[in-house]
């Protein structure tokens, strides 16, 4: 699985669901250590997906979410957000993955 490293400057260039730059790495890092989990999920839902719209950040966050889940067994949000991204990536208005 190819993943962008947390410190890669590409994160500053990718867009989220609002088609604005969104770097999910601070939220992903918090999720990884179990800090502010509810707030992190709210942030990820609000920024990775917006009314069916996705961005490159949405796709790039998925491998991290899966990796974090392997060691921390995340709640239902993991399944819901990854499923939503998978379903919505087929919209012609969303970027190719």
Protein backbone atom coordinates (compact mmCIF):
# COMPACT_ATOMS: atom_id res chain seq x y z
CA UNK A 1 0.00 0.00 0.00
CA UNK A 2 1.46 3.34 -1.06
CA UNK A 3 1.03 6.06 1.53
CA UNK A 4 2.14 9.67 1.65
CA UNK A 5 4.38 10.11 4.67
CA UNK A 6 2.96 12.35 7.40
CA UNK A 7 5.71 14.93 6.89
CA UNK A 8 5.44 15.03 3.08
CA UNK A 9 4.68 18.57 1.82
CA UNK A 10 2.13 17.10 -0.62
CA UNK A 11 -0.39 17.09 2.23
CA UNK A 12 -0.49 20.90 2.05
CA UNK A 13 -1.60 20.68 -1.60
CA UNK A 14 -4.39 18.10 -1.47
CA UNK A 15 -8.02 19.12 -1.27
CA UNK A 16 -10.83 17.78 0.85
CA UNK A 17 -14.55 17.48 0.19
CA UNK A 18 -15.06 21.25 0.04
CA UNK A 19 -12.44 21.42 -2.75
CA UNK A 20 -10.24 23.50 -0.47
CA UNK A 21 -6.79 22.48 0.76
CA UNK A 22 -7.12 20.14 3.70
CA UNK A 23 -4.29 18.38 5.50
CA UNK A 24 -5.79 15.52 7.54
CA UNK A 25 -2.50 14.49 9.15
CA UNK A 26 -2.99 16.36 12.45
CA UNK A 27 -6.39 14.69 12.86
CA UNK A 28 -5.01 11.29 11.86
CA UNK A 29 -2.19 11.63 14.38
CA UNK A 30 -4.67 12.44 17.14
CA UNK A 31 -6.79 9.45 16.16
CA UNK A 32 -3.70 7.27 16.26
CA UNK A 33 -3.01 8.17 19.89
CA UNK A 34 -6.65 8.36 20.97
CA UNK A 35 -6.79 12.12 21.63
CA UNK A 36 -10.07 14.00 21.09
CA UNK A 37 -11.48 11.07 19.14
CA UNK A 38 -15.02 12.46 18.79
CA UNK A 39 -13.73 15.85 17.62
CA UNK A 40 -11.35 14.15 15.20
CA UNK A 41 -14.15 12.11 13.63
CA UNK A 42 -16.25 15.26 13.30
CA UNK A 43 -13.35 17.01 11.59
CA UNK A 44 -12.65 14.12 9.22
CA UNK A 45 -16.32 13.73 8.28
CA UNK A 46 -16.63 17.47 7.67
CA UNK A 47 -13.47 17.79 5.61
CA UNK A 48 -13.06 14.54 3.71
CA UNK A 49 -16.64 14.35 2.45
CA UNK A 50 -19.14 17.09 1.65
CA UNK A 51 -22.50 16.28 0.06
CA UNK A 52 -20.95 13.56 -2.09
CA UNK A 53 -17.86 15.58 -2.95
CA UNK A 54 -14.40 14.20 -2.25
CA UNK A 55 -10.87 15.40 -2.75
CA UNK A 56 -7.45 13.84 -2.99
CA UNK A 57 -7.13 14.11 0.80
CA UNK A 58 -10.13 11.78 1.11
CA UNK A 59 -8.39 9.04 -0.85
CA UNK A 60 -5.00 9.60 0.79
CA UNK A 61 -6.48 9.33 4.30
CA UNK A 62 -8.03 5.88 3.75
CA UNK A 63 -4.82 3.80 4.07
CA UNK A 64 -3.99 5.65 7.29
CA UNK A 65 -7.44 5.02 8.70
CA UNK A 66 -7.11 1.31 7.91
CA UNK A 67 -3.62 1.16 9.42
CA UNK A 68 -4.78 2.96 12.58
CA UNK A 69 -7.73 0.58 12.84
CA UNK A 70 -5.41 -2.44 12.72
CA UNK A 71 -3.83 -1.43 16.01
CA UNK A 72 -6.58 0.58 17.71
CA UNK A 73 -9.84 -0.99 16.52
CA UNK A 74 -11.67 2.19 15.65
CA UNK A 75 -15.42 2.50 16.02
CA UNK A 76 -18.13 2.45 13.35
CA UNK A 77 -16.88 5.75 11.90
CA UNK A 78 -14.04 3.92 10.19
CA UNK A 79 -16.38 1.64 8.26
CA UNK A 80 -18.82 4.43 7.49
CA UNK A 81 -16.29 6.96 6.19
CA UNK A 82 -14.28 4.46 4.15
CA UNK A 83 -17.52 3.08 2.64
CA UNK A 84 -18.72 6.58 1.84
CA UNK A 85 -15.45 7.49 0.15
CA UNK A 86 -15.54 4.24 -1.84
CA UNK A 87 -19.12 4.85 -3.01
CA UNK A 88 -18.63 8.52 -3.85
CA UNK A 89 -15.33 8.10 -5.69
CA UNK A 90 -17.30 6.88 -8.70
CA UNK A 91 -19.02 10.25 -9.17
CA UNK A 92 -17.78 11.99 -12.26
CA UNK A 93 -17.43 15.22 -10.30
CA UNK A 94 -14.88 13.66 -7.93
CA UNK A 95 -11.17 13.44 -8.78
CA UNK A 96 -9.78 10.24 -10.17
CA UNK A 97 -8.17 8.16 -7.46
